[in-house]
PDB file of N, CA and C in Angstrom:
ATOM      1  N   MET A   1      25.547 158.087  30.792  1.00  0.00           N
ATOM      2  CA  MET A   1      26.973 157.896  30.490  1.00  0.00           C
ATOM      3  C   MET A   1      27.297 156.543  31.480  1.00  0.00           C
ATOM      4  N   LYS A   2      27.029 156.298  32.329  1.00  0.00           N
ATOM      5  CA  LYS A   2      27.187 155.592  33.273  1.00  0.00           C
ATOM      6  C   LYS A   2      27.070 154.271  32.740  1.00  0.00           C
ATOM      7  N   LYS A   3      25.067 154.128  31.628  1.00  0.00           N
ATOM      8  CA  LYS A   3      24.588 153.288  31.231  1.00  0.00           C
ATOM      9  C   LYS A   3      25.603 152.715  29.432  1.00  0.00           C
ATOM     10  N   ILE A   4      26.729 153.613  29.477  1.00  0.00           N
ATOM     11  CA  ILE A   4      26.965 153.403  28.305  1.00  0.00           C
ATOM     12  C   ILE A   4      28.250 152.429  28.785  1.00  0.00           C
ATOM     13  N   PHE A   5      29.204 152.904  30.163  1.00  0.00           N
ATOM     14  CA  PHE A   5      30.433 152.153  30.617  1.00  0.00           C
ATOM     15  C   PHE A   5      30.057 151.086  30.878  1.00  0.00           C
ATOM     16  N   LEU A   6      28.656 150.837  31.279  1.00  0.00           N
ATOM     17  CA  LEU A   6      27.969 149.487  31.971  1.00  0.00           C
ATOM     18  C   LEU A   6      28.277 148.418  30.723  1.00  0.00           C
ATOM     19  N   ILE A   7      27.465 148.851  29.231  1.00  0.00           N
ATOM     20  CA  ILE A   7      27.365 147.878  28.174  1.00  0.00           C
ATOM     21  C   ILE A   7      28.100 147.260  28.046  1.00  0.00           C
ATOM     22  N   ILE A   8      29.705 148.413  27.783  1.00  0.00           N
ATOM     23  CA  ILE A   8      30.855 148.154  27.015  1.00  0.00           C
ATOM     24  C   ILE A   8      31.808 146.842  27.880  1.00  0.00           C
ATOM     25  N   SER A   9      31.493 147.383  29.566  1.00  0.00           N
ATOM     26  CA  SER A   9      31.751 146.425  30.357  1.00  0.00           C
ATOM     27  C   SER A   9      31.629 145.243  29.832  1.00  0.00           C
ATOM     28  N   LEU A  10      30.460 144.838  30.518  1.00  0.00           N
ATOM     29  CA  LEU A  10      29.240 144.200  30.751  1.00  0.00           C
ATOM     30  C   LEU A  10      29.935 143.376  28.651  1.00  0.00           C
ATOM     31  N   SER A  11      30.114 144.085  27.968  1.00  0.00           N
ATOM     32  CA  SER A  11      30.228 143.762  26.506  1.00  0.00           C
ATOM     33  C   SER A  11      31.762 142.512  26.868  1.00  0.00           C
ATOM     34  N   TYR A  12      32.367 142.946  27.312  1.00  0.00           N
ATOM     35  CA  TYR A  12      34.074 142.141  26.886  1.00  0.00           C
ATOM     36  C   TYR A  12      33.994 141.151  28.013  1.00  0.00           C
ATOM     37  N   SER A  13      34.934 140.360  27.520  1.00  0.00           N
ATOM     38  CA  SER A  13      35.022 139.273  27.994  1.00  0.00           C
ATOM     39  C   SER A  13      36.274 138.938  27.710  1.00  0.00           C
ATOM     40  N   PHE A  14      37.136 138.820  29.445  1.00  0.00           N
ATOM     41  CA  PHE A  14      39.038 138.988  29.335  1.00  0.00           C
ATOM     42  C   PHE A  14      39.472 137.433  28.782  1.00  0.00           C
ATOM     43  N   ASN A  15      38.537 136.865  28.044  1.00  0.00           N
ATOM     44  CA  ASN A  15      38.938 135.709  27.627  1.00  0.00           C
ATOM     45  C   ASN A  15      40.420 135.059  26.774  1.00  0.00           C
ATOM     46  N   VAL A  16      41.139 135.111  27.365  1.00  0.00           N
ATOM     47  CA  VAL A  16      42.687 135.188  26.623  1.00  0.00           C
ATOM     48  C   VAL A  16      43.486 134.476  25.601  1.00  0.00           C
ATOM     49  N   PHE A  17      41.623 133.811  25.001  1.00  0.00           N
ATOM     50  CA  PHE A  17      42.399 133.284  24.421  1.00  0.00           C
ATOM     51  C   PHE A  17      41.599 134.095  22.377  1.00  0.00           C
ATOM     52  N   SER A  18      40.832 134.406  23.233  1.00  0.00           N
ATOM     53  CA  SER A  18      40.637 135.294  22.192  1.00  0.00           C
ATOM     54  C   SER A  18      41.279 136.542  21.831  1.00  0.00           C
ATOM     55  N   THR A  19      41.840 136.786  21.826  1.00  0.00           N
ATOM     56  CA  THR A  19      43.177 138.615  22.600  1.00  0.00           C
ATOM     57  C   THR A  19      44.164 138.317  20.977  1.00  0.00           C
ATOM     58  N   GLU A  20      44.969 139.723  20.792  1.00  0.00           N
ATOM     59  CA  GLU A  20      45.332 139.370  20.345  1.00  0.00           C
ATOM     60  C   GLU A  20      47.055 141.126  20.953  1.00  0.00           C
ATOM     61  N   TRP A  21      47.159 140.562  22.199  1.00  0.00           N
ATOM     62  CA  TRP A  21      48.025 140.943  22.488  1.00  0.00           C
ATOM     63  C   TRP A  21      49.054 141.123  21.500  1.00  0.00           C
ATOM     64  N   VAL A  22      48.862 143.119  22.439  1.00  0.00           N
ATOM     65  CA  VAL A  22      50.971 143.979  21.137  1.00  0.00           C
ATOM     66  C   VAL A  22      50.755 144.355  23.189  1.00  0.00           C
ATOM     67  N   ARG A  23      52.397 143.977  22.293  1.00  0.00           N
ATOM     68  CA  ARG A  23      52.796 145.582  23.918  1.00  0.00           C
ATOM     69  C   ARG A  23      53.153 146.787  22.709  1.00  0.00           C
ATOM     70  N   VAL A  24      53.190 146.913  23.680  1.00  0.00           N
ATOM     71  CA  VAL A  24      53.074 149.165  23.833  1.00  0.00           C
ATOM     72  C   VAL A  24      54.012 150.168  24.101  1.00  0.00           C
ATOM     73  N   ILE A  25      54.436 148.604  25.852  1.00  0.00           N
ATOM     74  CA  ILE A  25      54.954 150.245  26.798  1.00  0.00           C
ATOM     75  C   ILE A  25      55.701 149.039  27.525  1.00  0.00           C
ATOM     76  N   ASN A  26      57.193 148.698  27.644  1.00  0.00           N
ATOM     77  CA  ASN A  26      57.686 147.997  28.294  1.00  0.00           C
ATOM     78  C   ASN A  26      58.788 148.745  29.066  1.00  0.00           C
ATOM     79  N   GLU A  27      58.492 148.834  30.635  1.00  0.00           N
ATOM     80  CA  GLU A  27      59.351 149.372  31.861  1.00  0.00           C
ATOM     81  C   GLU A  27      60.144 148.486  32.224  1.00  0.00           C
ATOM     82  N   ASN A  28      60.619 149.034  32.814  1.00  0.00           N
ATOM     83  CA  ASN A  28      61.789 148.108  34.409  1.00  0.00           C
ATOM     84  C   ASN A  28      60.808 147.562  34.983  1.00  0.00           C
ATOM     85  N   LYS A  29      59.592 147.950  35.381  1.00  0.00           N
ATOM     86  CA  LYS A  29      58.883 147.067  36.795  1.00  0.00           C
ATOM     87  C   LYS A  29      56.781 146.057  36.120  1.00  0.00           C
ATOM     88  N   GLN A  30      57.183 146.506  34.725  1.00  0.00           N
ATOM     89  CA  GLN A  30      56.471 145.884  34.361  1.00  0.00           C
ATOM     90  C   GLN A  30      55.836 146.176  32.996  1.00  0.00           C
ATOM     91  N   SER A  31      55.917 145.369  32.018  1.00  0.00           N
ATOM     92  CA  SER A  31      54.954 145.097  30.601  1.00  0.00           C
ATOM     93  C   SER A  31      53.537 145.230  29.867  1.00  0.00           C
ATOM     94  N   ASN A  32      53.353 146.237  29.031  1.00  0.00           N
ATOM     95  CA  ASN A  32      51.834 146.830  28.649  1.00  0.00           C
ATOM     96  C   ASN A  32      51.635 146.184  27.582  1.00  0.00           C
ATOM     97  N   TYR A  33      50.306 145.755  27.819  1.00  0.00           N
ATOM     98  CA  TYR A  33      49.951 145.190  26.261  1.00  0.00           C
ATOM     99  C   TYR A  33      48.344 145.785  26.177  1.00  0.00           C
ATOM    100  N   ILE A  34      47.657 146.469  24.604  1.00  0.00           N
ATOM    101  CA  ILE A  34      46.660 145.869  24.862  1.00  0.00           C
ATOM    102  C   ILE A  34      46.650 145.375  24.043  1.00  0.00           C
ATOM    103  N   ASP A  35      44.621 144.568  23.628  1.00  0.00           N
ATOM    104  CA  ASP A  35      43.881 143.798  23.054  1.00  0.00           C
ATOM    105  C   ASP A  35      44.001 144.236  21.541  1.00  0.00           C
ATOM    106  N   ASN A  36      44.484 144.499  20.584  1.00  0.00           N
ATOM    107  CA  ASN A  36      44.127 145.135  19.117  1.00  0.00           C
ATOM    108  C   ASN A  36      42.402 144.670  18.854  1.00  0.00           C
ATOM    109  N   LYS A  37      42.167 143.470  19.452  1.00  0.00           N
ATOM    110  CA  LYS A  37      40.321 143.073  19.678  1.00  0.00           C
ATOM    111  C   LYS A  37      39.647 143.753  19.825  1.00  0.00           C
ATOM    112  N   SER A  38      40.196 144.202  21.152  1.00  0.00           N
ATOM    113  CA  SER A  38      38.956 145.164  21.996  1.00  0.00           C
ATOM    114  C   SER A  38      39.403 146.492  21.207  1.00  0.00           C
ATOM    115  N   ILE A  39      39.876 146.672  21.022  1.00  0.00           N
ATOM    116  CA  ILE A  39      39.604 148.808  20.780  1.00  0.00           C
ATOM    117  C   ILE A  39      38.172 148.520  20.025  1.00  0.00           C
ATOM    118  N   LYS A  40      37.371 149.926  20.073  1.00  0.00           N
ATOM    119  CA  LYS A  40      35.636 149.633  20.087  1.00  0.00           C
ATOM    120  C   LYS A  40      36.015 151.372  19.561  1.00  0.00           C
ATOM    121  N   ASN A  41      35.507 151.781  19.171  1.00  0.00           N
ATOM    122  CA  ASN A  41      35.036 153.090  19.095  1.00  0.00           C
ATOM    123  C   ASN A  41      33.696 152.689  18.996  1.00  0.00           C
ATOM    124  N   GLN A  42      33.597 153.563  20.013  1.00  0.00           N
ATOM    125  CA  GLN A  42      31.687 154.057  20.034  1.00  0.00           C
ATOM    126  C   GLN A  42      31.065 155.337  20.483  1.00  0.00           C
ATOM    127  N   ASN A  43      30.615 156.274  19.042  1.00  0.00           N
ATOM    128  CA  ASN A  43      30.661 158.253  19.207  1.00  0.00           C
ATOM    129  C   ASN A  43      31.543 158.723  19.810  1.00  0.00           C
ATOM    130  N   GLY A  44      33.049 157.459  19.405  1.00  0.00           N
ATOM    131  CA  GLY A  44      33.914 159.216  19.504  1.00  0.00           C
ATOM    132  C   GLY A  44      34.407 158.143  21.526  1.00  0.00           C
ATOM    133  N   ASN A  45      33.580 157.544  21.623  1.00  0.00           N
ATOM    134  CA  ASN A  45      34.625 156.873  23.704  1.00  0.00           C
ATOM    135  C   ASN A  45      34.400 155.806  23.114  1.00  0.00           C
ATOM    136  N   ILE A  46      36.275 155.514  23.680  1.00  0.00           N
ATOM    137  CA  ILE A  46      36.885 154.363  22.742  1.00  0.00           C
ATOM    138  C   ILE A  46      36.968 152.738  23.866  1.00  0.00           C
ATOM    139  N   SER A  47      37.080 152.502  23.821  1.00  0.00           N
ATOM    140  CA  SER A  47      37.169 151.697  24.573  1.00  0.00           C
ATOM    141  C   SER A  47      37.779 150.901  24.635  1.00  0.00           C
ATOM    142  N   PHE A  48      38.626 149.210  25.350  1.00  0.00           N
ATOM    143  CA  PHE A  48      40.103 148.324  25.026  1.00  0.00           C
ATOM    144  C   PHE A  48      40.459 148.434  26.601  1.00  0.00           C
ATOM    145  N   VAL A  49      41.374 146.655  26.194  1.00  0.00           N
ATOM    146  CA  VAL A  49      41.484 146.374  27.008  1.00  0.00           C
ATOM    147  C   VAL A  49      43.127 146.062  27.333  1.00  0.00           C
ATOM    148  N   ARG A  50      43.966 146.439  28.827  1.00  0.00           N
ATOM    149  CA  ARG A  50      45.426 146.868  28.761  1.00  0.00           C
ATOM    150  C   ARG A  50      45.578 145.057  29.910  1.00  0.00           C
ATOM    151  N   LEU A  51      46.350 144.399  29.084  1.00  0.00           N
ATOM    152  CA  LEU A  51      47.351 143.411  30.232  1.00  0.00           C
ATOM    153  C   LEU A  51      48.079 144.613  30.454  1.00  0.00           C
ATOM    154  N   VAL A  52      48.900 144.255  31.962  1.00  0.00           N
ATOM    155  CA  VAL A  52      50.042 144.197  31.872  1.00  0.00           C
ATOM    156  C   VAL A  52      50.752 143.697  33.060  1.00  0.00           C
ATOM    157  N   ASN A  53      51.891 143.112  32.775  1.00  0.00           N
ATOM    158  CA  ASN A  53      52.243 141.827  33.259  1.00  0.00           C
ATOM    159  C   ASN A  53      53.416 142.568  34.562  1.00  0.00           C
ATOM    160  N   PHE A  54      53.489 141.362  35.211  1.00  0.00           N
ATOM    161  CA  PHE A  54      54.547 142.421  36.628  1.00  0.00           C
ATOM    162  C   PHE A  54      55.688 141.942  36.868  1.00  0.00           C
ATOM    163  N   LEU A  55      56.509 142.019  37.381  1.00  0.00           N
ATOM    164  CA  LEU A  55      57.949 140.956  37.282  1.00  0.00           C
ATOM    165  C   LEU A  55      57.924 140.571  38.552  1.00  0.00           C
ATOM    166  N   LYS A  56      57.618 141.604  39.607  1.00  0.00           N
ATOM    167  CA  LYS A  56      56.952 140.563  41.065  1.00  0.00           C
ATOM    168  C   LYS A  56      56.107 140.643  41.395  1.00  0.00           C
ATOM    169  N   PRO A  57      55.110 140.042  42.543  1.00  0.00           N
ATOM    170  CA  PRO A  57      53.412 139.893  42.256  1.00  0.00           C
ATOM    171  C   PRO A  57      53.066 141.122  42.814  1.00  0.00           C
ATOM    172  N   ASN A  58      52.278 141.654  42.439  1.00  0.00           N
ATOM    173  CA  ASN A  58      51.462 143.079  42.394  1.00  0.00           C
ATOM    174  C   ASN A  58      50.711 143.525  44.196  1.00  0.00           C
ATOM    175  N   LYS A  59      50.658 144.052  44.497  1.00  0.00           N
ATOM    176  CA  LYS A  59      49.519 143.863  45.593  1.00  0.00           C
ATOM    177  C   LYS A  59      48.413 143.234  46.011  1.00  0.00           C
ATOM    178  N   TYR A  60      47.897 142.175  45.451  1.00  0.00           N
ATOM    179  CA  TYR A  60      46.696 141.367  45.383  1.00  0.00           C
ATOM    180  C   TYR A  60      47.752 139.963  45.112  1.00  0.00           C
ATOM    181  N   GLY A  61      48.691 139.617  45.421  1.00  0.00           N
ATOM    182  CA  GLY A  61      49.957 138.612  45.143  1.00  0.00           C
ATOM    183  C   GLY A  61      49.297 137.917  43.804  1.00  0.00           C
ATOM    184  N   GLY A  62      48.898 139.005  42.478  1.00  0.00           N
ATOM    185  CA  GLY A  62      49.057 138.545  40.639  1.00  0.00           C
ATOM    186  C   GLY A  62      50.582 139.076  40.397  1.00  0.00           C
ATOM    187  N   MET A  63      50.349 137.912  39.101  1.00  0.00           N
ATOM    188  CA  MET A  63      51.295 138.936  37.897  1.00  0.00           C
ATOM    189  C   MET A  63      50.963 139.227  37.256  1.00  0.00           C
ATOM    190  N   SER A  64      49.334 139.285  36.724  1.00  0.00           N
ATOM    191  CA  SER A  64      48.992 140.067  35.171  1.00  0.00           C
ATOM    192  C   SER A  64      47.916 140.672  35.777  1.00  0.00           C
ATOM    193  N   THR A  65      47.805 141.829  35.135  1.00  0.00           N
ATOM    194  CA  THR A  65      45.585 142.557  35.527  1.00  0.00           C
ATOM    195  C   THR A  65      45.404 142.985  34.108  1.00  0.00           C
ATOM    196  N   THR A  66      43.704 142.810  34.040  1.00  0.00           N
ATOM    197  CA  THR A  66      43.139 143.031  32.911  1.00  0.00           C
ATOM    198  C   THR A  66      42.757 143.977  32.818  1.00  0.00           C
ATOM    199  N   ILE A  67      43.130 145.230  31.962  1.00  0.00           N
ATOM    200  CA  ILE A  67      42.141 146.627  32.708  1.00  0.00           C
ATOM    201  C   ILE A  67      41.157 147.304  31.436  1.00  0.00           C
ATOM    202  N   LEU A  68      40.355 147.262  31.137  1.00  0.00           N
ATOM    203  CA  LEU A  68      38.930 147.954  30.871  1.00  0.00           C
ATOM    204  C   LEU A  68      39.303 149.760  31.100  1.00  0.00           C
ATOM    205  N   MET A  69      39.556 149.921  29.980  1.00  0.00           N
ATOM    206  CA  MET A  69      39.818 151.220  30.175  1.00  0.00           C
ATOM    207  C   MET A  69      39.492 151.857  28.434  1.00  0.00           C
ATOM    208  N   ASN A  70      39.095 153.313  29.310  1.00  0.00           N
ATOM    209  CA  ASN A  70      38.007 153.743  27.492  1.00  0.00           C
ATOM    210  C   ASN A  70      38.813 155.352  27.380  1.00  0.00           C
ATOM    211  N   VAL A  71      38.681 156.236  26.456  1.00  0.00           N
ATOM    212  CA  VAL A  71      39.501 157.037  26.166  1.00  0.00           C
ATOM    213  C   VAL A  71      38.265 158.042  24.613  1.00  0.00           C
ATOM    214  N   LYS A  72      38.764 159.232  25.303  1.00  0.00           N
ATOM    215  CA  LYS A  72      38.738 160.347  24.374  1.00  0.00           C
ATOM    216  C   LYS A  72      39.445 161.413  23.945  1.00  0.00           C
ATOM    217  N   CYS A  73      39.692 160.571  22.014  1.00  0.00           N
ATOM    218  CA  CYS A  73      41.534 160.662  22.067  1.00  0.00           C
ATOM    219  C   CYS A  73      41.067 162.383  21.694  1.00  0.00           C
ATOM    220  N   SER A  74      40.142 162.726  20.575  1.00  0.00           N
ATOM    221  CA  SER A  74      40.104 164.627  21.491  1.00  0.00           C
ATOM    222  C   SER A  74      40.586 165.549  22.366  1.00  0.00           C
ATOM    223  N   GLU A  75      40.162 164.587  22.998  1.00  0.00           N
ATOM    224  CA  GLU A  75      40.878 165.713  24.217  1.00  0.00           C
ATOM    225  C   GLU A  75      42.424 164.661  25.323  1.00  0.00           C
ATOM    226  N   LYS A  76      42.380 164.051  24.750  1.00  0.00           N
ATOM    227  CA  LYS A  76      43.603 162.745  25.747  1.00  0.00           C
ATOM    228  C   LYS A  76      43.440 162.579  26.927  1.00  0.00           C
ATOM    229  N   LYS A  77      42.267 162.603  27.814  1.00  0.00           N
ATOM    230  CA  LYS A  77      41.734 162.441  28.370  1.00  0.00           C
ATOM    231  C   LYS A  77      41.536 160.104  28.601  1.00  0.00           C
ATOM    232  N   ILE A  78      42.059 159.388  29.261  1.00  0.00           N
ATOM    233  CA  ILE A  78      41.261 158.034  29.917  1.00  0.00           C
ATOM    234  C   ILE A  78      40.947 157.755  31.385  1.00  0.00           C
ATOM    235  N   MET A  79      40.651 156.980  31.149  1.00  0.00           N
ATOM    236  CA  MET A  79      39.633 156.425  32.082  1.00  0.00           C
ATOM    237  C   MET A  79      39.372 155.171  32.765  1.00  0.00           C
ATOM    238  N   TYR A  80      39.794 154.666  33.977  1.00  0.00           N
ATOM    239  CA  TYR A  80      40.033 152.913  34.214  1.00  0.00           C
ATOM    240  C   TYR A  80      38.412 152.957  34.316  1.00  0.00           C
ATOM    241  N   VAL A  81      37.884 151.689  33.843  1.00  0.00           N
ATOM    242  CA  VAL A  81      36.734 151.313  34.297  1.00  0.00           C
ATOM    243  C   VAL A  81      36.200 150.071  35.131  1.00  0.00           C
ATOM    244  N   SER A  82      37.239 148.857  35.096  1.00  0.00           N
ATOM    245  CA  SER A  82      37.931 147.581  35.859  1.00  0.00           C
ATOM    246  C   SER A  82      38.543 147.272  35.804  1.00  0.00           C
ATOM    247  N   TYR A  83      39.236 146.107  36.323  1.00  0.00           N
ATOM    248  CA  TYR A  83      40.161 144.898  36.518  1.00  0.00           C
ATOM    249  C   TYR A  83      40.287 144.045  36.865  1.00  0.00           C
ATOM    250  N   ASP A  84      40.580 143.113  36.062  1.00  0.00           N
ATOM    251  CA  ASP A  84      40.808 141.199  37.053  1.00  0.00           C
ATOM    252  C   ASP A  84      42.229 141.099  37.111  1.00  0.00           C
ATOM    253  N   THR A  85      43.049 140.664  38.440  1.00  0.00           N
ATOM    254  CA  THR A  85      44.265 140.279  38.964  1.00  0.00           C
ATOM    255  C   THR A  85      44.128 138.970  38.348  1.00  0.00           C
ATOM    256  N   PHE A  86      45.674 138.177  38.073  1.00  0.00           N
ATOM    257  CA  PHE A  86      45.712 137.184  37.526  1.00  0.00           C
ATOM    258  C   PHE A  86      46.681 136.343  38.613  1.00  0.00           C
ATOM    259  N   LYS A  87      47.352 134.553  38.817  1.00  0.00           N
ATOM    260  CA  LYS A  87      48.219 134.981  39.199  1.00  0.00           C
ATOM    261  C   LYS A  87      49.353 134.773  38.534  1.00  0.00           C
ATOM    262  N   PHE A  88      49.223 134.339  37.259  1.00  0.00           N
ATOM    263  CA  PHE A  88      49.992 133.785  36.019  1.00  0.00           C
ATOM    264  C   PHE A  88      50.431 135.102  35.186  1.00  0.00           C
ATOM    265  N   ASN A  89      51.471 135.081  34.642  1.00  0.00           N
ATOM    266  CA  ASN A  89      51.084 136.940  33.396  1.00  0.00           C
ATOM    267  C   ASN A  89      50.265 135.617  32.846  1.00  0.00           C
ATOM    268  N   MET A  90      50.731 137.251  32.038  1.00  0.00           N
ATOM    269  CA  MET A  90      49.475 136.819  29.888  1.00  0.00           C
ATOM    270  C   MET A  90      48.578 136.239  30.782  1.00  0.00           C
ATOM    271  N   ALA A  91      47.610 137.031  31.912  1.00  0.00           N
ATOM    272  CA  ALA A  91      46.420 136.909  32.381  1.00  0.00           C
ATOM    273  C   ALA A  91      45.469 135.407  32.454  1.00  0.00           C
ATOM    274  N   LYS A  92      47.132 134.830  32.678  1.00  0.00           N
ATOM    275  CA  LYS A  92      46.502 133.258  33.564  1.00  0.00           C
ATOM    276  C   LYS A  92      46.879 132.894  34.735  1.00  0.00           C
ATOM    277  N   GLY A  93      46.103 131.345  34.308  1.00  0.00           N
ATOM    278  CA  GLY A  93      45.919 130.663  35.914  1.00  0.00           C
ATOM    279  C   GLY A  93      45.212 131.212  37.063  1.00  0.00           C
ATOM    280  N   LYS A  94      44.596 131.210  37.940  1.00  0.00           N
ATOM    281  CA  LYS A  94      43.077 131.685  38.842  1.00  0.00           C
ATOM    282  C   LYS A  94      43.486 133.471  38.936  1.00  0.00           C
ATOM    283  N   LYS A  95      41.773 133.655  38.346  1.00  0.00           N
ATOM    284  CA  LYS A  95      41.376 135.261  39.241  1.00  0.00           C
ATOM    285  C   LYS A  95      42.019 135.559  40.300  1.00  0.00           C
ATOM    286  N   ILE A  96      42.687 136.104  40.513  1.00  0.00           N
ATOM    287  CA  ILE A  96      42.961 136.133  42.040  1.00  0.00           C
ATOM    288  C   ILE A  96      41.337 137.065  42.303  1.00  0.00           C
ATOM    289  N   SER A  97      41.003 139.073  41.871  1.00  0.00           N
ATOM    290  CA  SER A  97      39.580 139.272  41.872  1.00  0.00           C
ATOM    291  C   SER A  97      39.917 140.000  41.110  1.00  0.00           C
ATOM    292  N   SER A  98      38.683 140.810  40.967  1.00  0.00           N
ATOM    293  CA  SER A  98      37.871 141.426  40.272  1.00  0.00           C
ATOM    294  C   SER A  98      37.263 143.103  40.304  1.00  0.00           C
ATOM    295  N   HIS A  99      37.635 144.020  39.867  1.00  0.00           N
ATOM    296  CA  HIS A  99      37.218 145.505  40.519  1.00  0.00           C
ATOM    297  C   HIS A  99      36.085 146.067  39.293  1.00  0.00           C
ATOM    298  N   LYS A 100      35.508 146.540  39.411  1.00  0.00           N
ATOM    299  CA  LYS A 100      35.142 147.665  39.012  1.00  0.00           C
ATOM    300  C   LYS A 100      34.684 148.686  39.928  1.00  0.00           C
ATOM    301  N   ILE A 101      35.191 149.964  38.904  1.00  0.00           N
ATOM    302  CA  ILE A 101      36.089 151.157  39.446  1.00  0.00           C
ATOM    303  C   ILE A 101      33.738 151.929  39.475  1.00  0.00           C
ATOM    304  N   LYS A 102      34.132 152.180  40.724  1.00  0.00           N
ATOM    305  CA  LYS A 102      32.489 152.288  41.107  1.00  0.00           C
ATOM    306  C   LYS A 102      32.420 153.726  40.836  1.00  0.00           C
ATOM    307  N   LYS A 103      33.123 154.587  41.367  1.00  0.00           N
ATOM    308  CA  LYS A 103      33.142 155.764  40.715  1.00  0.00           C
ATOM    309  C   LYS A 103      34.434 156.371  40.530  1.00  0.00           C
ATOM    310  N   THR A 104      33.819 156.373  38.635  1.00  0.00           N
ATOM    311  CA  THR A 104      35.278 156.837  37.148  1.00  0.00           C
ATOM    312  C   THR A 104      35.998 158.231  37.775  1.00  0.00           C
ATOM    313  N   ASN A 105      36.283 158.216  36.719  1.00  0.00           N
ATOM    314  CA  ASN A 105      36.522 160.051  36.371  1.00  0.00           C
ATOM    315  C   ASN A 105      38.074 159.900  35.572  1.00  0.00           C
ATOM    316  N   TRP A 106      38.148 161.264  34.361  1.00  0.00           N
ATOM    317  CA  TRP A 106      38.756 161.473  33.890  1.00  0.00           C
ATOM    318  C   TRP A 106      40.604 161.436  34.081  1.00  0.00           C
ATOM    319  N   ILE A 107      41.230 160.707  33.620  1.00  0.00           N
ATOM    320  CA  ILE A 107      42.472 161.449  33.586  1.00  0.00           C
ATOM    321  C   ILE A 107      43.225 161.545  32.363  1.00  0.00           C
ATOM    322  N   PHE A 108      43.663 163.078  32.684  1.00  0.00           N
ATOM    323  CA  PHE A 108      44.512 163.754  31.972  1.00  0.00           C
ATOM    324  C   PHE A 108      45.886 163.766  32.066  1.00  0.00           C
ATOM    325  N   PRO A 109      46.951 162.324  30.771  1.00  0.00           N
ATOM    326  CA  PRO A 109      48.245 162.372  31.217  1.00  0.00           C
ATOM    327  C   PRO A 109      49.334 164.013  31.142  1.00  0.00           C
ATOM    328  N   LYS A 110      50.145 163.399  31.698  1.00  0.00           N
ATOM    329  CA  LYS A 110      51.098 164.560  31.422  1.00  0.00           C
ATOM    330  C   LYS A 110      52.310 164.432  30.104  1.00  0.00           C
ATOM    331  N   SER A 111      53.236 165.050  29.994  1.00  0.00           N
ATOM    332  CA  SER A 111      53.838 164.261  28.765  1.00  0.00           C
ATOM    333  C   SER A 111      54.680 163.064  29.053  1.00  0.00           C
ATOM    334  N   ASN A 112      55.020 163.346  29.828  1.00  0.00           N
ATOM    335  CA  ASN A 112      55.886 161.870  30.169  1.00  0.00           C
ATOM    336  C   ASN A 112      55.239 161.232  31.316  1.00  0.00           C
ATOM    337  N   ASP A 113      53.816 160.829  31.313  1.00  0.00           N
ATOM    338  CA  ASP A 113      53.132 159.658  31.747  1.00  0.00           C
ATOM    339  C   ASP A 113      52.874 158.138  30.580  1.00  0.00           C
ATOM    340  N   TYR A 114      52.951 157.564  30.934  1.00  0.00           N
ATOM    341  CA  TYR A 114      52.904 156.673  30.423  1.00  0.00           C
ATOM    342  C   TYR A 114      51.468 155.832  29.483  1.00  0.00           C
ATOM    343  N   LYS A 115      50.228 156.339  30.323  1.00  0.00           N
ATOM    344  CA  LYS A 115      49.169 156.590  29.795  1.00  0.00           C
ATOM    345  C   LYS A 115      48.552 157.132  28.642  1.00  0.00           C
ATOM    346  N   LEU A 116      49.688 158.511  27.965  1.00  0.00           N
ATOM    347  CA  LEU A 116      49.398 158.815  27.554  1.00  0.00           C
ATOM    348  C   LEU A 116      49.911 158.333  25.941  1.00  0.00           C
ATOM    349  N   LYS A 117      51.310 157.365  25.819  1.00  0.00           N
ATOM    350  CA  LYS A 117      52.058 156.390  25.033  1.00  0.00           C
ATOM    351  C   LYS A 117      50.244 155.334  25.070  1.00  0.00           C
ATOM    352  N   LEU A 118      49.942 154.708  25.431  1.00  0.00           N
ATOM    353  CA  LEU A 118      48.439 154.069  25.779  1.00  0.00           C
ATOM    354  C   LEU A 118      47.676 155.077  25.016  1.00  0.00           C
ATOM    355  N   ILE A 119      46.937 156.331  25.288  1.00  0.00           N
ATOM    356  CA  ILE A 119      46.045 156.750  24.059  1.00  0.00           C
ATOM    357  C   ILE A 119      46.649 157.268  22.881  1.00  0.00           C
ATOM    358  N   ASP A 120      47.291 157.201  22.601  1.00  0.00           N
ATOM    359  CA  ASP A 120      48.245 157.745  21.338  1.00  0.00           C
ATOM    360  C   ASP A 120      47.869 156.461  20.352  1.00  0.00           C
ATOM    361  N   TYR A 121      48.426 155.241  21.361  1.00  0.00           N
ATOM    362  CA  TYR A 121      48.543 153.957  20.512  1.00  0.00           C
ATOM    363  C   TYR A 121      47.312 153.673  20.666  1.00  0.00           C
ATOM    364  N   VAL A 122      46.007 153.918  21.005  1.00  0.00           N
ATOM    365  CA  VAL A 122      45.122 153.752  20.826  1.00  0.00           C
ATOM    366  C   VAL A 122      44.011 153.978  19.682  1.00  0.00           C
ATOM    367  N   CYS A 123      44.075 155.670  20.052  1.00  0.00           N
ATOM    368  CA  CYS A 123      43.840 156.614  18.761  1.00  0.00           C
ATOM    369  C   CYS A 123      44.604 156.405  17.077  1.00  0.00           C
ATOM    370  N   ASN A 124      45.597 156.367  17.106  1.00  0.00           N
ATOM    371  CA  ASN A 124      46.332 155.966  15.943  1.00  0.00           C
ATOM    372  C   ASN A 124      45.651 154.334  14.724  1.00  0.00           C
ATOM    373  N   PHE A 125      46.093 152.948  15.864  1.00  0.00           N
ATOM    374  CA  PHE A 125      45.201 152.062  16.287  1.00  0.00           C
ATOM    375  C   PHE A 125      43.973 152.835  14.694  1.00  0.00           C
ATOM    376  N   LEU A 126      43.071 153.876  15.355  1.00  0.00           N
ATOM    377  CA  LEU A 126      41.659 153.070  14.857  1.00  0.00           C
ATOM    378  C   LEU A 126      41.614 154.146  13.124  1.00  0.00           C
ATOM    379  N   ASN A 127      43.049 154.784  13.433  1.00  0.00           N
ATOM    380  CA  ASN A 127      42.912 156.380  12.077  1.00  0.00           C
ATOM    381  C   ASN A 127      43.213 155.546  11.028  1.00  0.00           C
TER     382      ASN A 127
END
């Protein structure tokens, strides 16, 4: 399973020039986008890239972060795989930090969690 996630991670390039960002969540402190071109289904394991714009710099000093995520629609669960933080909104400017999550875990969001909105968007996009 880790090999599949590694292959998916390596197959993504966070090149903002080849993206199709769609805003899916707009909250007080951040706006969340999903790159429709990044949504891929590999044997029921759906991967996608999420972009988060912040109103104020995050703990790394960045104004945006791109996050590679995995979803299992049938079980309504989501997983963070890796993320990159950028100096400016919309993943522009210098990349400040890059992290691959070493121990990935599935998250089962509660009904009022924004992660459930991400799952619903991605799963509906493929149907």
